[in-house]
């Protein structure tokens, strides 16, 4: 994991939270950092950037494919491998 990808991803996600990074809950399990779902859907350009930064949504069905824009679910949390 690159710390820059983690920080940049959180900064993108914070734009879609009512209170930005303030009060944005995150968690960790084994080698994954989790960020709770955003308050508003993420725009497609930002989705593409999050994916480039190796962020993904663990709880969505990708039918065995790599996570992509077409798999995005606004109700799901985000994840990034550490």
PDB file of N, CA and C in Angstrom:
ATOM      1  N   UNK A   1       0.834  -1.166   0.000  1.00  0.00           N
ATOM      2  CA  UNK A   1       0.000   0.000   0.000  1.00  0.00           C
ATOM      3  C   UNK A   1       0.881   1.231   0.000  1.00  0.00           C
ATOM      4  N   UNK A   2       0.481   2.189  -0.752  1.00  0.00           N
ATOM      5  CA  UNK A   2       1.133   3.495  -0.752  1.00  0.00           C
ATOM      6  C   UNK A   2       0.269   4.436   0.071  1.00  0.00           C
ATOM      7  N   UNK A   3       0.872   5.142   1.011  1.00  0.00           N
ATOM      8  CA  UNK A   3       0.120   6.033   1.885  1.00  0.00           C
ATOM      9  C   UNK A   3      -0.615   7.109   1.066  1.00  0.00           C
ATOM     10  N   UNK A   4      -0.011   7.532  -0.053  1.00  0.00           N
ATOM     11  CA  UNK A   4      -0.647   8.537  -0.897  1.00  0.00           C
ATOM     12  C   UNK A   4      -1.976   8.054  -1.465  1.00  0.00           C
ATOM     13  N   UNK A   5      -2.033   6.789  -1.881  1.00  0.00           N
ATOM     14  CA  UNK A   5      -3.281   6.229  -2.429  1.00  0.00           C
ATOM     15  C   UNK A   5      -4.357   6.159  -1.354  1.00  0.00           C
ATOM     16  N   UNK A   6      -3.944   5.850  -0.136  1.00  0.00           N
ATOM     17  CA  UNK A   6      -4.886   5.802   0.973  1.00  0.00           C
ATOM     18  C   UNK A   6      -5.433   7.194   1.271  1.00  0.00           C
ATOM     19  N   UNK A   7      -4.549   8.172   1.400  1.00  0.00           N
ATOM     20  CA  UNK A   7      -4.964   9.544   1.719  1.00  0.00           C
ATOM     21  C   UNK A   7      -5.797  10.143   0.595  1.00  0.00           C
ATOM     22  N   UNK A   8      -5.351   9.997  -0.636  1.00  0.00           N
ATOM     23  CA  UNK A   8      -6.095  10.556  -1.770  1.00  0.00           C
ATOM     24  C   UNK A   8      -7.491   9.953  -1.868  1.00  0.00           C
ATOM     25  N   UNK A   9      -7.588   8.653  -1.629  1.00  0.00           N
ATOM     26  CA  UNK A   9      -8.890   7.994  -1.662  1.00  0.00           C
ATOM     27  C   UNK A   9      -9.825   8.529  -0.586  1.00  0.00           C
ATOM     28  N   UNK A  10      -9.309   8.696   0.623  1.00  0.00           N
ATOM     29  CA  UNK A  10     -10.130   9.244   1.706  1.00  0.00           C
ATOM     30  C   UNK A  10     -10.549  10.684   1.406  1.00  0.00           C
ATOM     31  N   UNK A  11      -9.666  11.450   0.780  1.00  0.00           N
ATOM     32  CA  UNK A  11     -10.012  12.824   0.421  1.00  0.00           C
ATOM     33  C   UNK A  11     -11.135  12.850  -0.618  1.00  0.00           C
ATOM     34  N   UNK A  12     -11.097  11.943  -1.576  1.00  0.00           N
ATOM     35  CA  UNK A  12     -12.178  11.856  -2.572  1.00  0.00           C
ATOM     36  C   UNK A  12     -13.478  11.473  -1.881  1.00  0.00           C
ATOM     37  N   UNK A  13     -13.440  10.422  -1.074  1.00  0.00           N
ATOM     38  CA  UNK A  13     -14.648   9.964  -0.400  1.00  0.00           C
ATOM     39  C   UNK A  13     -15.230  11.042   0.522  1.00  0.00           C
ATOM     40  N   UNK A  14     -14.369  11.819   1.164  1.00  0.00           N
ATOM     41  CA  UNK A  14     -14.827  12.864   2.091  1.00  0.00           C
ATOM     42  C   UNK A  14     -15.676  13.916   1.382  1.00  0.00           C
ATOM     43  N   UNK A  15     -15.446  14.140   0.095  1.00  0.00           N
ATOM     44  CA  UNK A  15     -16.254  15.117  -0.656  1.00  0.00           C
ATOM     45  C   UNK A  15     -17.703  14.682  -0.769  1.00  0.00           C
ATOM     46  N   UNK A  16     -17.971  13.424  -0.549  1.00  0.00           N
ATOM     47  CA  UNK A  16     -19.326  12.879  -0.657  1.00  0.00           C
ATOM     48  C   UNK A  16     -19.930  12.581   0.717  1.00  0.00           C
ATOM     49  N   UNK A  17     -19.314  13.115   1.743  1.00  0.00           N
ATOM     50  CA  UNK A  17     -19.818  13.003   3.113  1.00  0.00           C
ATOM     51  C   UNK A  17     -20.315  14.367   3.561  1.00  0.00           C
ATOM     52  N   UNK A  18     -21.381  14.393   4.322  1.00  0.00           N
ATOM     53  CA  UNK A  18     -21.955  15.644   4.802  1.00  0.00           C
ATOM     54  C   UNK A  18     -20.944  16.459   5.595  1.00  0.00           C
ATOM     55  N   UNK A  19     -20.177  15.812   6.444  1.00  0.00           N
ATOM     56  CA  UNK A  19     -19.209  16.511   7.289  1.00  0.00           C
ATOM     57  C   UNK A  19     -17.771  16.276   6.855  1.00  0.00           C
ATOM     58  N   UNK A  20     -17.550  15.935   5.595  1.00  0.00           N
ATOM     59  CA  UNK A  20     -16.195  15.695   5.112  1.00  0.00           C
ATOM     60  C   UNK A  20     -15.512  14.597   5.902  1.00  0.00           C
ATOM     61  N   UNK A  21     -14.252  14.811   6.223  1.00  0.00           N
ATOM     62  CA  UNK A  21     -13.507  13.812   6.987  1.00  0.00           C
ATOM     63  C   UNK A  21     -13.899  13.810   8.457  1.00  0.00           C
ATOM     64  N   UNK A  22     -14.489  14.908   8.919  1.00  0.00           N
ATOM     65  CA  UNK A  22     -14.903  15.001  10.320  1.00  0.00           C
ATOM     66  C   UNK A  22     -15.996  13.970  10.594  1.00  0.00           C
ATOM     67  N   UNK A  23     -15.738  13.059  11.488  1.00  0.00           N
ATOM     68  CA  UNK A  23     -16.719  12.043  11.834  1.00  0.00           C
ATOM     69  C   UNK A  23     -16.831  10.896  10.841  1.00  0.00           C
ATOM     70  N   UNK A  24     -15.930  10.828   9.859  1.00  0.00           N
ATOM     71  CA  UNK A  24     -15.968   9.746   8.873  1.00  0.00           C
ATOM     72  C   UNK A  24     -15.336   8.510   9.495  1.00  0.00           C
ATOM     73  N   UNK A  25     -16.142   7.508   9.781  1.00  0.00           N
ATOM     74  CA  UNK A  25     -15.662   6.300  10.439  1.00  0.00           C
ATOM     75  C   UNK A  25     -14.890   5.410   9.482  1.00  0.00           C
ATOM     76  N   UNK A  26     -13.779   4.897   9.977  1.00  0.00           N
ATOM     77  CA  UNK A  26     -13.007   3.900   9.248  1.00  0.00           C
ATOM     78  C   UNK A  26     -12.717   2.761  10.212  1.00  0.00           C
ATOM     79  N   UNK A  27     -12.356   1.632   9.670  1.00  0.00           N
ATOM     80  CA  UNK A  27     -12.011   0.481  10.477  1.00  0.00           C
ATOM     81  C   UNK A  27     -10.953  -0.333   9.762  1.00  0.00           C
ATOM     82  N   UNK A  28     -10.437  -1.321  10.417  1.00  0.00           N
ATOM     83  CA  UNK A  28      -9.421  -2.173   9.812  1.00  0.00           C
ATOM     84  C   UNK A  28      -9.631  -3.612  10.251  1.00  0.00           C
ATOM     85  N   UNK A  29      -9.317  -4.504   9.360  1.00  0.00           N
ATOM     86  CA  UNK A  29      -9.382  -5.923   9.647  1.00  0.00           C
ATOM     87  C   UNK A  29      -8.296  -6.633   8.869  1.00  0.00           C
ATOM     88  N   UNK A  30      -7.413  -7.299   9.551  1.00  0.00           N
ATOM     89  CA  UNK A  30      -6.285  -8.008   8.932  1.00  0.00           C
ATOM     90  C   UNK A  30      -5.486  -7.033   8.079  1.00  0.00           C
ATOM     91  N   UNK A  31      -5.574  -7.131   6.770  1.00  0.00           N
ATOM     92  CA  UNK A  31      -4.774  -6.271   5.897  1.00  0.00           C
ATOM     93  C   UNK A  31      -5.641  -5.331   5.055  1.00  0.00           C
ATOM     94  N   UNK A  32      -6.824  -4.996   5.550  1.00  0.00           N
ATOM     95  CA  UNK A  32      -7.738  -4.138   4.796  1.00  0.00           C
ATOM     96  C   UNK A  32      -8.208  -2.982   5.669  1.00  0.00           C
ATOM     97  N   UNK A  33      -8.189  -1.773   5.106  1.00  0.00           N
ATOM     98  CA  UNK A  33      -8.763  -0.607   5.751  1.00  0.00           C
ATOM     99  C   UNK A  33     -10.139  -0.385   5.135  1.00  0.00           C
ATOM    100  N   UNK A  34     -11.135  -0.159   5.971  1.00  0.00           N
ATOM    101  CA  UNK A  34     -12.506   0.042   5.499  1.00  0.00           C
ATOM    102  C   UNK A  34     -12.960   1.464   5.776  1.00  0.00           C
ATOM    103  N   UNK A  35     -13.629   2.069   4.799  1.00  0.00           N
ATOM    104  CA  UNK A  35     -14.250   3.381   4.959  1.00  0.00           C
ATOM    105  C   UNK A  35     -15.743   3.204   4.733  1.00  0.00           C
ATOM    106  N   UNK A  36     -16.527   3.744   5.649  1.00  0.00           N
ATOM    107  CA  UNK A  36     -17.981   3.578   5.584  1.00  0.00           C
ATOM    108  C   UNK A  36     -18.544   4.161   4.284  1.00  0.00           C
ATOM    109  N   UNK A  37     -19.770   3.793   3.909  1.00  0.00           N
ATOM    110  CA  UNK A  37     -20.377   4.356   2.690  1.00  0.00           C
ATOM    111  C   UNK A  37     -20.478   5.881   2.781  1.00  0.00           C
ATOM    112  N   UNK A  38     -20.499   6.516   1.639  1.00  0.00           N
ATOM    113  CA  UNK A  38     -20.644   7.966   1.589  1.00  0.00           C
ATOM    114  C   UNK A  38     -22.116   8.344   1.729  1.00  0.00           C
ATOM    115  N   UNK A  39     -22.369   9.616   2.011  1.00  0.00           N
ATOM    116  CA  UNK A  39     -23.748  10.095   2.155  1.00  0.00           C
ATOM    117  C   UNK A  39     -24.431  10.308   0.807  1.00  0.00           C
ATOM    118  N   UNK A  40     -23.642  10.616  -0.200  1.00  0.00           N
ATOM    119  CA  UNK A  40     -24.148  10.829  -1.566  1.00  0.00           C
ATOM    120  C   UNK A  40     -23.362   9.922  -2.513  1.00  0.00           C
ATOM    121  N   UNK A  41     -23.967   9.527  -3.633  1.00  0.00           N
ATOM    122  CA  UNK A  41     -23.243   8.699  -4.610  1.00  0.00           C
ATOM    123  C   UNK A  41     -21.991   9.415  -5.135  1.00  0.00           C
ATOM    124  N   UNK A  42     -20.961   8.656  -5.374  1.00  0.00           N
ATOM    125  CA  UNK A  42     -19.699   9.172  -5.895  1.00  0.00           C
ATOM    126  C   UNK A  42     -19.810   9.348  -7.408  1.00  0.00           C
ATOM    127  N   UNK A  43     -19.345  10.479  -7.914  1.00  0.00           N
ATOM    128  CA  UNK A  43     -19.379  10.767  -9.349  1.00  0.00           C
ATOM    129  C   UNK A  43     -18.463   9.802 -10.108  1.00  0.00           C
ATOM    130  N   UNK A  44     -18.798   9.565 -11.357  1.00  0.00           N
ATOM    131  CA  UNK A  44     -18.054   8.584 -12.161  1.00  0.00           C
ATOM    132  C   UNK A  44     -16.567   8.909 -12.273  1.00  0.00           C
ATOM    133  N   UNK A  45     -16.205  10.167 -12.464  1.00  0.00           N
ATOM    134  CA  UNK A  45     -14.781  10.521 -12.554  1.00  0.00           C
ATOM    135  C   UNK A  45     -14.044  10.172 -11.264  1.00  0.00           C
ATOM    136  N   UNK A  46     -14.693  10.436 -10.128  1.00  0.00           N
ATOM    137  CA  UNK A  46     -14.081  10.099  -8.848  1.00  0.00           C
ATOM    138  C   UNK A  46     -14.049   8.593  -8.630  1.00  0.00           C
ATOM    139  N   UNK A  47     -15.060   7.877  -9.115  1.00  0.00           N
ATOM    140  CA  UNK A  47     -15.032   6.408  -9.037  1.00  0.00           C
ATOM    141  C   UNK A  47     -13.820   5.860  -9.776  1.00  0.00           C
ATOM    142  N   UNK A  48     -13.594   6.380 -10.969  1.00  0.00           N
ATOM    143  CA  UNK A  48     -12.447   5.928 -11.764  1.00  0.00           C
ATOM    144  C   UNK A  48     -11.145   6.195 -11.034  1.00  0.00           C
ATOM    145  N   UNK A  49     -11.040   7.360 -10.407  1.00  0.00           N
ATOM    146  CA  UNK A  49      -9.823   7.706  -9.675  1.00  0.00           C
ATOM    147  C   UNK A  49      -9.642   6.791  -8.460  1.00  0.00           C
ATOM    148  N   UNK A  50     -10.726   6.520  -7.732  1.00  0.00           N
ATOM    149  CA  UNK A  50     -10.643   5.607  -6.584  1.00  0.00           C
ATOM    150  C   UNK A  50     -10.145   4.229  -7.023  1.00  0.00           C
ATOM    151  N   UNK A  51     -10.669   3.749  -8.139  1.00  0.00           N
ATOM    152  CA  UNK A  51     -10.257   2.434  -8.654  1.00  0.00           C
ATOM    153  C   UNK A  51      -8.785   2.457  -9.060  1.00  0.00           C
ATOM    154  N   UNK A  52      -8.337   3.559  -9.690  1.00  0.00           N
ATOM    155  CA  UNK A  52      -6.916   3.708 -10.042  1.00  0.00           C
ATOM    156  C   UNK A  52      -6.032   3.671  -8.797  1.00  0.00           C
ATOM    157  N   UNK A  53      -6.570   4.179  -7.678  1.00  0.00           N
ATOM    158  CA  UNK A  53      -5.849   4.201  -6.414  1.00  0.00           C
ATOM    159  C   UNK A  53      -5.994   2.877  -5.651  1.00  0.00           C
ATOM    160  N   UNK A  54      -6.605   1.878  -6.291  1.00  0.00           N
ATOM    161  CA  UNK A  54      -6.796   0.528  -5.739  1.00  0.00           C
ATOM    162  C   UNK A  54      -7.820   0.446  -4.612  1.00  0.00           C
ATOM    163  N   UNK A  55      -8.759   1.365  -4.588  1.00  0.00           N
ATOM    164  CA  UNK A  55      -9.900   1.257  -3.679  1.00  0.00           C
ATOM    165  C   UNK A  55     -10.946   0.388  -4.349  1.00  0.00           C
ATOM    166  N   UNK A  56     -11.736  -0.329  -3.557  1.00  0.00           N
ATOM    167  CA  UNK A  56     -12.771  -1.213  -4.098  1.00  0.00           C
ATOM    168  C   UNK A  56     -13.873  -1.370  -3.067  1.00  0.00           C
ATOM    169  N   UNK A  57     -14.951  -2.006  -3.470  1.00  0.00           N
ATOM    170  CA  UNK A  57     -16.054  -2.310  -2.565  1.00  0.00           C
ATOM    171  C   UNK A  57     -16.138  -3.818  -2.427  1.00  0.00           C
ATOM    172  N   UNK A  58     -15.827  -4.294  -1.248  1.00  0.00           N
ATOM    173  CA  UNK A  58     -15.753  -5.727  -0.994  1.00  0.00           C
ATOM    174  C   UNK A  58     -17.119  -6.411  -1.039  1.00  0.00           C
ATOM    175  N   UNK A  59     -18.182  -5.689  -0.686  1.00  0.00           N
ATOM    176  CA  UNK A  59     -19.502  -6.295  -0.555  1.00  0.00           C
ATOM    177  C   UNK A  59     -20.333  -6.368  -1.820  1.00  0.00           C
ATOM    178  N   UNK A  60     -19.770  -6.020  -2.968  1.00  0.00           N
ATOM    179  CA  UNK A  60     -20.552  -6.071  -4.205  1.00  0.00           C
ATOM    180  C   UNK A  60     -20.165  -7.294  -5.029  1.00  0.00           C
ATOM    181  N   UNK A  61     -21.118  -7.787  -5.805  1.00  0.00           N
ATOM    182  CA  UNK A  61     -20.883  -8.948  -6.663  1.00  0.00           C
ATOM    183  C   UNK A  61     -20.264  -8.479  -7.978  1.00  0.00           C
ATOM    184  N   UNK A  62     -19.053  -8.878  -8.229  1.00  0.00           N
ATOM    185  CA  UNK A  62     -18.369  -8.501  -9.472  1.00  0.00           C
ATOM    186  C   UNK A  62     -18.382  -9.638 -10.484  1.00  0.00           C
ATOM    187  N   UNK A  63     -19.094 -10.710 -10.168  1.00  0.00           N
ATOM    188  CA  UNK A  63     -19.175 -11.891 -11.054  1.00  0.00           C
ATOM    189  C   UNK A  63     -17.785 -12.419 -11.397  1.00  0.00           C
ATOM    190  N   UNK A  64     -16.875 -12.331 -10.465  1.00  0.00           N
ATOM    191  CA  UNK A  64     -15.530 -12.845 -10.671  1.00  0.00           C
ATOM    192  C   UNK A  64     -14.607 -11.904 -11.417  1.00  0.00           C
ATOM    193  N   UNK A  65     -15.099 -10.733 -11.809  1.00  0.00           N
ATOM    194  CA  UNK A  65     -14.276  -9.748 -12.519  1.00  0.00           C
ATOM    195  C   UNK A  65     -13.608  -8.802 -11.526  1.00  0.00           C
ATOM    196  N   UNK A  66     -12.624  -8.089 -11.989  1.00  0.00           N
ATOM    197  CA  UNK A  66     -11.993  -7.064 -11.181  1.00  0.00           C
ATOM    198  C   UNK A  66     -13.002  -5.944 -10.932  1.00  0.00           C
ATOM    199  N   UNK A  67     -12.969  -5.333  -9.735  1.00  0.00           N
ATOM    200  CA  UNK A  67     -13.915  -4.269  -9.398  1.00  0.00           C
ATOM    201  C   UNK A  67     -13.763  -3.116 -10.385  1.00  0.00           C
ATOM    202  N   UNK A  68     -14.906  -2.666 -10.912  1.00  0.00           N
ATOM    203  CA  UNK A  68     -14.919  -1.556 -11.859  1.00  0.00           C
ATOM    204  C   UNK A  68     -16.082  -0.625 -11.589  1.00  0.00           C
ATOM    205  N   UNK A  69     -16.138   0.460 -12.328  1.00  0.00           N
ATOM    206  CA  UNK A  69     -17.190   1.471 -12.177  1.00  0.00           C
ATOM    207  C   UNK A  69     -18.575   0.835 -12.241  1.00  0.00           C
ATOM    208  N   UNK A  70     -18.738  -0.149 -13.101  1.00  0.00           N
ATOM    209  CA  UNK A  70     -20.040  -0.786 -13.296  1.00  0.00           C
ATOM    210  C   UNK A  70     -20.500  -1.579 -12.073  1.00  0.00           C
ATOM    211  N   UNK A  71     -19.600  -1.861 -11.138  1.00  0.00           N
ATOM    212  CA  UNK A  71     -19.941  -2.620  -9.937  1.00  0.00           C
ATOM    213  C   UNK A  71     -20.285  -1.726  -8.748  1.00  0.00           C
ATOM    214  N   UNK A  72     -20.081  -0.437  -8.872  1.00  0.00           N
ATOM    215  CA  UNK A  72     -20.256   0.501  -7.766  1.00  0.00           C
ATOM    216  C   UNK A  72     -21.661   0.444  -7.171  1.00  0.00           C
ATOM    217  N   UNK A  73     -21.707   0.425  -5.839  1.00  0.00           N
ATOM    218  CA  UNK A  73     -22.964   0.456  -5.100  1.00  0.00           C
ATOM    219  C   UNK A  73     -22.857   1.541  -4.027  1.00  0.00           C
ATOM    220  N   UNK A  74     -23.678   2.602  -4.108  1.00  0.00           N
ATOM    221  CA  UNK A  74     -23.602   3.685  -3.125  1.00  0.00           C
ATOM    222  C   UNK A  74     -23.843   3.239  -1.686  1.00  0.00           C
ATOM    223  N   UNK A  75     -24.504   2.114  -1.497  1.00  0.00           N
ATOM    224  CA  UNK A  75     -24.824   1.634  -0.153  1.00  0.00           C
ATOM    225  C   UNK A  75     -23.676   0.860   0.502  1.00  0.00           C
ATOM    226  N   UNK A  76     -22.668   0.515  -0.264  1.00  0.00           N
ATOM    227  CA  UNK A  76     -21.570  -0.314   0.242  1.00  0.00           C
ATOM    228  C   UNK A  76     -20.400   0.522   0.728  1.00  0.00           C
ATOM    229  N   UNK A  77     -19.655  -0.040   1.687  1.00  0.00           N
ATOM    230  CA  UNK A  77     -18.459   0.624   2.177  1.00  0.00           C
ATOM    231  C   UNK A  77     -17.320   0.426   1.180  1.00  0.00           C
ATOM    232  N   UNK A  78     -16.249   1.150   1.424  1.00  0.00           N
ATOM    233  CA  UNK A  78     -15.060   1.080   0.573  1.00  0.00           C
ATOM    234  C   UNK A  78     -13.941   0.364   1.311  1.00  0.00           C
ATOM    235  N   UNK A  79     -13.004  -0.197   0.562  1.00  0.00           N
ATOM    236  CA  UNK A  79     -11.889  -0.919   1.168  1.00  0.00           C
ATOM    237  C   UNK A  79     -10.601  -0.638   0.394  1.00  0.00           C
ATOM    238  N   UNK A  80      -9.499  -0.767   1.110  1.00  0.00           N
ATOM    239  CA  UNK A  80      -8.166  -0.594   0.498  1.00  0.00           C
ATOM    240  C   UNK A  80      -7.223  -1.523   1.229  1.00  0.00           C
ATOM    241  N   UNK A  81      -6.476  -2.334   0.474  1.00  0.00           N
ATOM    242  CA  UNK A  81      -5.502  -3.227   1.099  1.00  0.00           C
ATOM    243  C   UNK A  81      -4.350  -2.430   1.669  1.00  0.00           C
ATOM    244  N   UNK A  82      -3.890  -2.855   2.842  1.00  0.00           N
ATOM    245  CA  UNK A  82      -2.758  -2.165   3.469  1.00  0.00           C
ATOM    246  C   UNK A  82      -1.460  -2.824   3.088  1.00  0.00           C
TER     247      UNK A  82
END
